[in-house]
Amino acid sequence: MSTSRDHDPLAPWFGRLSEQIGSDRWQPAADVYETEGSIVVRLELAGVRSAEIAVTVDGDILRIRGVRRPRVDDDAQRLHQMEIASGPFERAIRIGIPFERERVTASLEEGLLRVVLPKKPSGPRRIGIEPERRSTG
């Protein structure tokens, strides 16, 4: 059985918009770009501590999960407007370029999470040939 979200024409540009609207999770903004030697994914995570973030790789999917705790000053008496998303979040980003899973690194600085996925070398690779072993006897 297929649902209407399976045929979302905006999914290539906005992801699964219906899932974002109907979900209790928020999605941080993400940039994905390529350098000569790596793919870099950057997420906007202001107010999220590194201990609250989990970064995993499963096949070609980079998954980033975490939680941003709501922050309200102790002396606040009444809230007039709250636009900063809080609670759990998750992003799953398909990486379409082969990368070295064992060398993926992540760092959090000034509210931006930066995940670096080193590309796998491409092109011809020279294979050495071991010399023949001479039998003694």
Protein backbone atom coordinates (compact mmCIF):
# COMPACT_ATOMS: atom_id res chain seq x y z
CA MET A 1 0.00 0.00 0.00
CA SER A 2 1.40 3.36 -0.97
CA THR A 3 0.82 6.63 0.83
CA SER A 4 0.67 10.13 -0.59
CA ARG A 5 4.05 10.94 0.94
CA ASP A 6 5.64 8.30 -1.33
CA HIS A 7 4.77 10.56 -4.25
CA ASP A 8 5.78 13.91 -2.77
CA PRO A 9 7.01 15.96 -5.77
CA LEU A 10 8.82 18.40 -3.47
CA ALA A 11 10.87 15.70 -1.71
CA PRO A 12 14.00 16.25 -3.88
CA TRP A 13 14.15 19.87 -2.73
CA PHE A 14 12.71 19.85 0.79
CA GLY A 15 12.96 16.24 1.92
CA ARG A 16 9.88 14.62 3.34
CA LEU A 17 8.02 17.81 4.24
CA SER A 18 4.98 15.91 5.47
CA GLU A 19 7.17 13.96 7.91
CA GLN A 20 8.71 17.17 9.23
CA ILE A 21 5.32 18.78 9.81
CA GLY A 22 3.73 15.72 11.39
CA SER A 23 6.72 14.78 13.51
CA ASP A 24 7.73 15.69 17.03
CA ARG A 25 11.32 16.03 15.77
CA TRP A 26 12.82 19.11 14.21
CA GLN A 27 15.43 19.11 11.46
CA PRO A 28 18.47 21.36 11.68
CA ALA A 29 19.56 23.17 8.53
CA ALA A 30 22.34 21.36 6.67
CA ASP A 31 24.97 22.20 4.05
CA VAL A 32 26.72 19.43 2.09
CA TYR A 33 29.68 20.26 -0.10
CA GLU A 34 32.66 18.58 -1.68
CA THR A 35 36.34 19.45 -1.47
CA GLU A 36 39.17 17.83 -3.39
CA GLY A 37 39.62 15.10 -0.79
CA SER A 38 36.35 14.89 1.15
CA ILE A 39 32.64 15.46 1.47
CA VAL A 40 31.74 17.90 4.24
CA VAL A 41 28.38 18.03 6.00
CA ARG A 42 27.66 21.01 8.21
CA LEU A 43 24.61 21.30 10.49
CA GLU A 44 23.37 24.32 12.38
CA LEU A 45 23.09 23.17 16.01
CA ALA A 46 23.23 26.29 18.16
CA GLY A 47 22.57 25.49 21.80
CA VAL A 48 23.20 21.74 21.44
CA ARG A 49 25.99 20.21 23.51
CA SER A 50 28.32 17.68 21.86
CA ALA A 51 27.31 15.10 24.49
CA GLU A 52 23.74 15.34 23.15
CA ILE A 53 24.72 14.46 19.53
CA ALA A 54 25.22 11.03 17.93
CA VAL A 55 26.79 10.70 14.48
CA THR A 56 26.63 7.31 12.75
CA VAL A 57 27.33 5.93 9.30
CA ASP A 58 25.32 3.02 7.91
CA GLY A 59 26.29 2.15 4.34
CA ASP A 60 26.05 5.42 2.42
CA ILE A 61 23.74 7.10 4.97
CA LEU A 62 25.13 9.66 7.43
CA ARG A 63 22.73 9.91 10.38
CA ILE A 64 22.89 12.69 12.94
CA ARG A 65 20.62 12.52 15.99
CA GLY A 66 20.41 14.51 19.14
CA VAL A 67 18.38 16.75 21.35
CA ARG A 68 18.29 20.47 22.05
CA ARG A 69 17.00 21.22 25.52
CA PRO A 70 14.61 24.18 25.81
CA ARG A 71 16.19 27.14 27.52
CA VAL A 72 14.13 29.64 29.42
CA ASP A 73 15.71 32.12 31.81
CA ASP A 74 14.87 31.42 35.44
CA ASP A 75 13.41 34.88 35.91
CA ALA A 76 11.04 34.64 32.89
CA GLN A 77 7.49 35.18 34.07
CA ARG A 78 5.57 34.81 30.83
CA LEU A 79 6.57 33.57 27.39
CA HIS A 80 5.46 35.79 24.51
CA GLN A 81 7.10 34.05 21.58
CA MET A 82 9.07 30.83 21.15
CA GLU A 83 10.51 30.12 17.71
CA ILE A 84 13.69 28.23 18.57
CA ALA A 85 13.02 24.54 18.03
CA SER A 86 13.84 22.23 20.90
CA GLY A 87 13.53 18.55 21.57
CA PRO A 88 14.87 15.62 19.58
CA PHE A 89 16.19 16.02 16.05
CA GLU A 90 17.42 13.72 13.33
CA ARG A 91 18.92 14.12 9.87
CA ALA A 92 19.72 11.25 7.51
CA ILE A 93 21.79 12.32 4.53
CA ARG A 94 22.64 9.98 1.66
CA ILE A 95 26.25 10.45 0.55
CA GLY A 96 26.46 9.62 -3.15
CA ILE A 97 30.26 9.49 -3.32
CA PRO A 98 32.31 6.56 -1.95
CA PHE A 99 34.02 7.55 1.31
CA GLU A 100 36.26 5.95 3.92
CA ARG A 101 33.97 5.10 6.83
CA GLU A 102 36.84 4.48 9.27
CA ARG A 103 38.23 7.99 8.79
CA VAL A 104 35.03 10.04 9.29
CA THR A 105 35.46 12.84 11.84
CA ALA A 106 33.04 15.26 13.51
CA SER A 107 33.56 18.49 15.44
CA LEU A 108 31.25 21.06 17.02
CA GLU A 109 32.33 24.70 17.00
CA GLU A 110 30.33 27.91 17.41
CA GLY A 111 27.02 26.08 17.00
CA LEU A 112 28.00 24.29 13.78
CA LEU A 113 28.55 20.55 13.60
CA ARG A 114 31.09 19.69 10.89
CA VAL A 115 31.35 16.10 9.68
CA VAL A 116 34.20 15.30 7.27
CA LEU A 117 33.95 12.15 5.16
CA PRO A 118 37.26 11.47 3.35
CA LYS A 119 36.72 10.29 -0.24
CA LYS A 120 37.93 6.87 -1.27
CA PRO A 121 40.74 7.13 -3.80
CA SER A 122 39.56 6.59 -7.33
CA GLY A 123 41.32 5.77 -10.54
CA PRO A 124 43.90 3.15 -11.37
CA ARG A 125 45.93 1.62 -8.57
CA ARG A 126 49.22 -0.10 -9.20
CA ILE A 127 49.43 -3.55 -7.66
CA GLY A 128 52.88 -4.86 -6.78
CA ILE A 129 53.85 -8.38 -7.76
CA GLU A 130 55.62 -10.49 -5.23
CA PRO A 131 58.79 -12.20 -6.52
CA GLU A 132 58.70 -15.90 -7.18
CA ARG A 133 59.76 -18.11 -4.36
CA ARG A 134 62.52 -20.47 -5.32
CA SER A 135 62.33 -23.87 -3.83
CA THR A 136 65.39 -25.25 -2.17
CA GLY A 137 66.19 -28.77 -2.75
